[in-house]
Structures are given as C-alpha cells and as structure tokens.
Amino acid sequence: MPYQLPEQAPAQPALLTPRLALWHPHPRDHAGLVALLAPEAVRRHLGNRPTSASEEFQRLLRNAGSWALYGYGIFTCRRRGDDAVIGIAGVFHSWRGFGEGLDDVPEAGWIFAEACWGQGLAHEAMTAVLDWFDATHGPRRVACMIDGDNATSQRLAARLGFTPYAEHPDEARGVPLVLLERGQQVAAVTG
C-alpha cells in the first residue's frame, strides 16, 4: 500500500472557548509558529534569542510528540473563525534536565502574540486547558517555570492556581526561573 499523506487540516478544534479555538498540533501550524516567535518582545522571557524555521519545526514536533506519547500537550490557539496562529497553550510532558520537580512531569506553558497581550486570552486558553486536563487525566501535579522578571505570567499562574516552590538559577541571563506547581502536591520535590 503506498504511503498516504495526512489530511491537510484537522476537521475541527479540540477545545472551544468563548473567543478561541484550540487545535492539536498540525503541520499547517509551522509558519504560524515561526511568525509567533519572531518578535523579540515575545521571546524576551524565552531566552530572548532569535529563533528559526528549523527550531520552530522542532517545537512543533515536540508538541505533537507529547500528544502521541502522553495523551496531552500544547494546543495551537486561534481566534474562533480565523486561521491565524495567535498563541500556544497547554500542558505538555517535560524533562528540563535540571531536576527540581521539572523532570518527567506534566508542565504548563503558554505563549501569545504581542497583539493579544492584555486581553485575557492566555487566561481563557489556560483555564480551558487545565479544566480539560483535570477532567481527562485526573487531578495531579502540574508544574511550570517562569522567568523571575516576568510579572505578568507570574500573576496569570497565580490566578490559575500555581504556587511557587523553588527557584532555578539562570546564569546566562542573570534572572532566576521561578518554579511553580498546582494540583496534587507532592510531599517532596525530587531532582
């Protein structure tokens, strides 16, 4: 039987919110991810280094891989009725490699286009994602990490029920990463 390419676009979003359609990762997302991560302002708290089409392809594959291996991952966010990628949000399976409760765990993350900041879209997306995650995977610990100088994301994390439990140094940037968790708390975070 000859190889058949996957269909060009998914039939429908996986989750809907009042303003957003959240989609599973798909090859059609690649150009949108490149555009999303191109502005320096968006990358500021992500290491603030230029990205490339190759790196965003790797991000797309990591996102799809989390879904394939663990049944949860990052959603591609679009406004309802629009095909433009405006963000990504979800709970993905992580292995950061520095322990401190961020290896081999579900990790929450979100990135939205600068034009979307201040509109509550990240909160709307992550509320839907976490509700879905808890309903489908049971209440369990979910971690996240946020730059120590990213007050906006720290406030959002607090609204979503995350509390800080540690800091991880980032010598390259001089700003520590704040490590947060929500849900079923573990007695001791192991490295």
Protein backbone atom coordinates (compact mmCIF):
# COMPACT_ATOMS: atom_id res chain seq x y z
CA MET A 1 0.00 0.00 0.00
CA PRO A 2 1.53 3.37 -0.95
CA TYR A 3 2.16 5.94 1.77
CA GLN A 4 -0.64 8.47 2.16
CA LEU A 5 -0.03 11.97 3.45
CA PRO A 6 -2.13 13.12 6.39
CA GLU A 7 -5.05 15.35 5.55
CA GLN A 8 -4.06 18.99 5.14
CA ALA A 9 -6.06 20.43 8.02
CA PRO A 10 -7.80 18.93 11.04
CA ALA A 11 -11.57 18.80 10.81
CA GLN A 12 -12.31 20.74 13.98
CA PRO A 13 -10.68 22.28 17.04
CA ALA A 14 -10.15 20.13 20.12
CA LEU A 15 -11.41 22.80 22.56
CA LEU A 16 -13.51 25.93 22.16
CA THR A 17 -13.67 28.91 24.49
CA PRO A 18 -15.83 31.99 24.01
CA ARG A 19 -13.12 33.63 21.85
CA LEU A 20 -10.66 30.87 20.97
CA ALA A 21 -10.34 27.63 19.07
CA LEU A 22 -7.62 25.35 20.43
CA TRP A 23 -6.23 22.83 17.97
CA HIS A 24 -3.96 19.82 18.25
CA PRO A 25 -0.55 20.37 16.58
CA HIS A 26 -0.57 20.00 12.81
CA PRO A 27 1.98 20.62 10.05
CA ARG A 28 -0.08 23.64 8.94
CA ASP A 29 0.94 25.36 12.21
CA HIS A 30 4.63 25.67 11.30
CA ALA A 31 4.53 29.07 9.56
CA GLY A 32 2.31 30.44 12.31
CA LEU A 33 4.77 29.31 14.99
CA VAL A 34 7.64 30.97 13.13
CA ALA A 35 5.66 34.22 12.94
CA LEU A 36 4.52 33.96 16.58
CA LEU A 37 8.08 33.61 17.91
CA ALA A 38 9.73 36.09 15.54
CA PRO A 39 9.25 39.32 17.58
CA GLU A 40 11.87 40.00 20.23
CA ALA A 41 9.16 41.09 22.70
CA VAL A 42 7.55 37.63 22.53
CA ARG A 43 10.90 35.88 23.02
CA ARG A 44 12.04 38.14 25.87
CA HIS A 45 11.18 35.63 28.59
CA LEU A 46 12.04 32.58 26.49
CA GLY A 47 15.78 33.12 26.39
CA ASN A 48 15.47 36.16 24.08
CA ARG A 49 17.43 34.75 21.22
CA PRO A 50 16.35 34.66 17.61
CA THR A 51 14.51 31.55 16.54
CA SER A 52 14.48 29.87 13.14
CA ALA A 53 12.11 27.89 10.97
CA SER A 54 14.11 24.79 11.91
CA GLU A 55 13.75 25.44 15.66
CA GLU A 56 10.02 26.07 15.33
CA PHE A 57 9.69 22.84 13.35
CA GLN A 58 11.38 21.08 16.28
CA ARG A 59 8.93 22.80 18.67
CA LEU A 60 6.03 21.56 16.53
CA LEU A 61 7.42 18.01 16.65
CA ARG A 62 7.91 18.18 20.44
CA ASN A 63 4.34 19.40 20.83
CA ALA A 64 2.99 16.58 18.65
CA GLY A 65 5.24 14.07 20.44
CA SER A 66 3.82 14.94 23.84
CA TRP A 67 0.33 14.26 22.49
CA ALA A 68 1.40 10.97 20.87
CA LEU A 69 3.26 9.64 23.91
CA TYR A 70 1.29 11.03 26.85
CA GLY A 71 -2.17 11.99 25.57
CA TYR A 72 -1.75 15.67 26.40
CA GLY A 73 0.27 18.56 25.03
CA ILE A 74 0.34 22.06 23.66
CA PHE A 75 -2.64 23.39 21.70
CA THR A 76 -2.30 25.84 18.83
CA CYS A 77 -4.55 28.83 19.59
CA ARG A 78 -6.54 30.74 17.00
CA ARG A 79 -9.41 33.17 17.34
CA ARG A 80 -12.68 31.46 16.54
CA GLY A 81 -13.35 31.76 12.83
CA ASP A 82 -9.77 32.81 11.99
CA ASP A 83 -6.85 30.67 10.84
CA ALA A 84 -4.01 32.88 12.13
CA VAL A 85 -1.94 31.36 14.95
CA ILE A 86 -2.08 33.80 17.88
CA GLY A 87 -0.60 31.59 20.56
CA ILE A 88 0.14 28.22 22.01
CA ALA A 89 -1.06 26.97 25.37
CA GLY A 90 -1.28 23.64 27.11
CA VAL A 91 0.08 21.03 29.43
CA PHE A 92 2.91 19.05 27.85
CA HIS A 93 5.21 16.34 29.13
CA SER A 94 8.51 17.87 30.14
CA TRP A 95 12.02 16.85 31.01
CA ARG A 96 14.02 20.01 31.68
CA GLY A 97 17.13 18.16 32.80
CA PHE A 98 17.73 20.16 35.96
CA GLY A 99 15.53 18.24 38.35
CA GLU A 100 13.74 20.40 40.92
CA GLY A 101 10.38 18.84 40.08
CA LEU A 102 10.54 19.59 36.34
CA ASP A 103 11.77 16.27 35.01
CA ASP A 104 9.32 13.69 33.66
CA VAL A 105 6.23 15.69 34.66
CA PRO A 106 3.26 17.49 33.13
CA GLU A 107 4.28 21.13 32.62
CA ALA A 108 2.00 24.04 31.77
CA GLY A 109 3.07 26.68 29.30
CA TRP A 110 1.70 29.49 27.16
CA ILE A 111 2.99 31.94 24.59
CA PHE A 112 0.78 34.54 22.92
CA ALA A 113 1.41 37.13 20.23
CA GLU A 114 2.15 40.63 21.48
CA ALA A 115 -1.01 41.94 19.80
CA CYS A 116 -3.01 39.67 22.15
CA TRP A 117 -1.43 40.79 25.42
CA GLY A 118 -3.72 42.35 28.00
CA GLN A 119 -6.89 40.79 26.56
CA GLY A 120 -7.16 37.81 28.91
CA LEU A 121 -6.67 35.31 26.09
CA ALA A 122 -3.89 33.36 27.83
CA HIS A 123 -6.08 33.06 30.94
CA GLU A 124 -9.05 31.96 28.83
CA ALA A 125 -6.98 29.36 26.98
CA MET A 126 -5.20 28.00 30.06
CA THR A 127 -8.40 27.79 32.10
CA ALA A 128 -9.94 25.63 29.36
CA VAL A 129 -6.75 23.56 29.05
CA LEU A 130 -6.42 22.92 32.79
CA ASP A 131 -10.13 22.07 33.13
CA TRP A 132 -9.74 19.62 30.22
CA PHE A 133 -6.50 18.17 31.66
CA ASP A 134 -8.03 17.62 35.13
CA ALA A 135 -11.15 16.03 33.61
CA THR A 136 -9.24 13.67 31.31
CA HIS A 137 -6.11 12.89 33.32
CA GLY A 138 -7.38 13.31 36.86
CA PRO A 139 -6.27 15.89 39.35
CA ARG A 140 -2.50 15.69 39.58
CA ARG A 141 0.53 17.88 39.99
CA VAL A 142 1.32 20.17 37.07
CA ALA A 143 4.48 22.29 37.15
CA CYS A 144 5.54 25.38 35.26
CA MET A 145 8.54 27.69 35.14
CA ILE A 146 8.50 31.43 34.58
CA ASP A 147 11.29 33.98 34.33
CA GLY A 148 11.73 35.81 37.62
CA ASP A 149 11.18 39.14 35.87
CA ASN A 150 8.01 38.08 34.03
CA ALA A 151 5.49 39.53 36.48
CA THR A 152 2.59 39.22 34.01
CA SER A 153 2.96 35.46 33.61
CA GLN A 154 3.54 35.02 37.33
CA ARG A 155 0.23 36.79 38.03
CA LEU A 156 -1.51 34.59 35.46
CA ALA A 157 -0.01 31.45 37.01
CA ALA A 158 -1.29 32.53 40.44
CA ARG A 159 -4.79 33.09 39.00
CA LEU A 160 -4.60 29.56 37.56
CA GLY A 161 -3.75 28.11 40.97
CA PHE A 162 0.03 27.74 40.67
CA THR A 163 2.20 28.49 43.68
CA PRO A 164 5.99 28.93 43.74
CA TYR A 165 8.02 26.13 45.27
CA ALA A 166 11.62 26.86 44.19
CA GLU A 167 13.90 28.98 42.02
CA HIS A 168 16.40 27.74 39.47
CA PRO A 169 19.38 29.95 38.59
CA ASP A 170 19.85 31.07 35.00
CA GLU A 171 23.46 32.24 34.99
CA ALA A 172 23.38 33.14 31.29
CA ARG A 173 20.66 35.75 31.80
CA GLY A 174 21.13 36.57 35.47
CA VAL A 175 17.41 36.12 36.15
CA PRO A 176 16.26 33.07 38.10
CA LEU A 177 13.47 30.85 36.87
CA VAL A 178 10.55 30.67 39.30
CA LEU A 179 9.29 27.09 39.59
CA LEU A 180 5.59 26.71 40.32
CA GLU A 181 3.11 23.87 40.81
CA ARG A 182 -0.61 23.27 41.13
CA GLY A 183 -2.90 20.36 41.84
CA GLN A 184 -1.98 17.36 43.89
CA GLN A 185 1.15 18.49 45.72
CA VAL A 186 3.99 16.05 46.26
CA ALA A 187 5.47 15.60 49.70
CA ALA A 188 8.98 16.28 48.45
CA VAL A 189 10.14 17.51 45.09
CA THR A 190 12.90 15.25 43.87
CA GLY A 191 15.63 16.05 41.38
